[in-house]
Amino acid sequence: MTNSSTDEPGPLLGPADIRELAATLGVRPTKQKGQNFVIDANTVRRIVRTAEVRPDDVVVEVGPGLGSLTLALLEAADRVTAVEIDDVLAAALPATVQARMPEKADRFALVHSDAMKVTELPGPPPTALVANLPYNVAVPVLLHMMATFPTIERTLVMVQSEVADRLAARPGNKVYGVPSVKANWYAEVKRAGAIGRNVFWPAPNVDSGLVSLVRREAPLETTASRDEVFAAVDAAFAQRRKTLRSALAGWAGSAAAAEAALVAAGVSPQARGEALTVEEFARIAEHKEAAAQ
């Protein structure tokens, strides 16, 4: 474990290290891949602290890039598995870990893959997910990882500030929507801080935010399947200006069937999706299923 003071260089990557590594690899961050590399060691340590990474944690990281956050996670966790889609970055990361933190190299694993296609990981099951998620795929990647790896108890992701607001929004908030409800299916969600633009290279033209997700100790109590509940959520927000009676008509089979499910669930047919909790969506899905039987 190294001192976190700025006097001691330590194993973490600073701005000069990042640029030198990128130049050596011939890497230029691209907007297409949503790449913005964190170049500030204090920021990655702050992320690890906020994520409450413990010495026995098995952390999965998505989109490690050049390894800034990876090294900070290895300082704090038992093991880190990084999932990287980029060929050049994936090939280089194990060597960076070996060079800067050789004592932890055997506690690091790399999965060279698209995170959306990952269904298993090497080693012990992950207990935490910590990632600087590419802006363009943040929500689908987060939901895929939460669904695929139920052993992930705690998650901290850095995402575009607007996406952070959506994920952490509560019913009635104007940005409450599909990501908010689906994230709540799995976890208690809250904003966990803001990140300035100057800690990235290149500096993005948007602010970033941290979102904490702590998995529910017990799954949501419902007889409806997750797919059925999520289908209701998707339908409700596809036409968010419509009342639920109208918005859910296609999903339920007719406006009358939608109204019957809503009334049975104790939800006003005149309500809109942005007013409902995930528990209410689950009740609506249950009553649609009951009517179909």
Foldseek 3Di string as FASTA:
>chain_A
DDDPDPVDPALAAAPVNVVVVCVVLVHDDDLVQLDWAFHDLVVLLVLCVLQVAAQAFEEEEEACAQPRNVLSNLVHYVAYEYEAQDPSSQVCNLVSCCVRPVVSSVRYHYHHHDLLPDQDDPDDQGQEYEYAHRAVCVLSSVLSCVVRRVNHFKYKYKYFPLVLCQCQDDQPDPSDALNVQSLVQFFNKDWRAWDAQVSIVVRDPTTITMMMTGGDPDGQDAPFDPVLLSVLRCQLRVCQVAFSLVSCQVVLVGSVSLCQLCVQLVHHSRHGSSRDHSNSSRSSSRSSVVVVD
